[in-house]
Amino acid sequence: MLVHGWSCPGQFFCHQVEQLKAHARCITPDLPGHGKTCDLVPLSIEASADALYGYLRDQDLSDIVVCGWSMGALVVYSMLERYGGDRFSAVVAIDMSPKVLNTLDWSNGTLSGLTPELNTHFLEAIVADWPKLPSRIARRLFAENERTNPGTLDFARNEIAKADPQLLQPMWKSLTAQDFRQTLKTLKLPFHLAAGLQSFLYGQGVHRWHEENVADFHLHGFERSGHAPHLEEPEKFNELLLTLIRQ
């Protein structure tokens, strides 16, 4: 199961589905406020987790390698917190912190220094400034010092621009309210962090926190990637997933 990030629906995992569908069933849902789901489900991380787990339960699926990118990782953590890990064999998080906002007790939120106060301003700007945001968001997905494939950058920008900011706003409010530090500290599944080593969003402090607090932790650094290793280094990323699928 491949769970996408904020403003970037399920088709952002097209490289994974194409290469891995011969080895495993690939599930790429659109979360609330995104793609085909739009506003069919309440616009929150918790409702997203309930909907995804409900699907897994209805389909009676187990032995699942679950992979969450950015916001999608928070949805995965919420599933684990609410329903436990019995259906899952491994967890993969793509370039994500368990808590996005920087506060007095937490300095491993976004590298931009996003605080609750600054986040209030961003929330107010999502709808009003939306025409300018898709290009900015798309550019910050990728490593600055690498030559991003123009087609990949165009794909990201065009797909993000299709989103409805009125729906994205409550999802952003929900994701920035989350704190899954305790959930990860008690996790009993193998946990793999696919970290873009040129990420604009999260840095080595996040990596160290996981190393010090998550029991069965494995760090996978992607030297040529920013926030989207599955798009920037898809072959290497797919090898990681394939290894976990075969275990």
Foldseek 3Di string as FASTA:
>chain_A
DEEEAFLFAQCVLVLLCVVCVVPDPDDGHGFDQADPNDPVWPQALLRRLVVVVVVCVVVVAAQAEYEYAELGLQSVLSNCVVPNDGRYAEYEYFAYFLAQADDPVHDFHWPVRHHPVNVVVVLVCLQVVVVPPLLVVLVQQWFPPDDDDPVSSVVSSVSSSVTHSVSSSSHSVNSNVGHSQVSQLPDPHQYEYEHECRANTGHDVRVVSSVVRHDNYHYHYDDRTYSCCCRRVVVVVSVVVSVSSVD
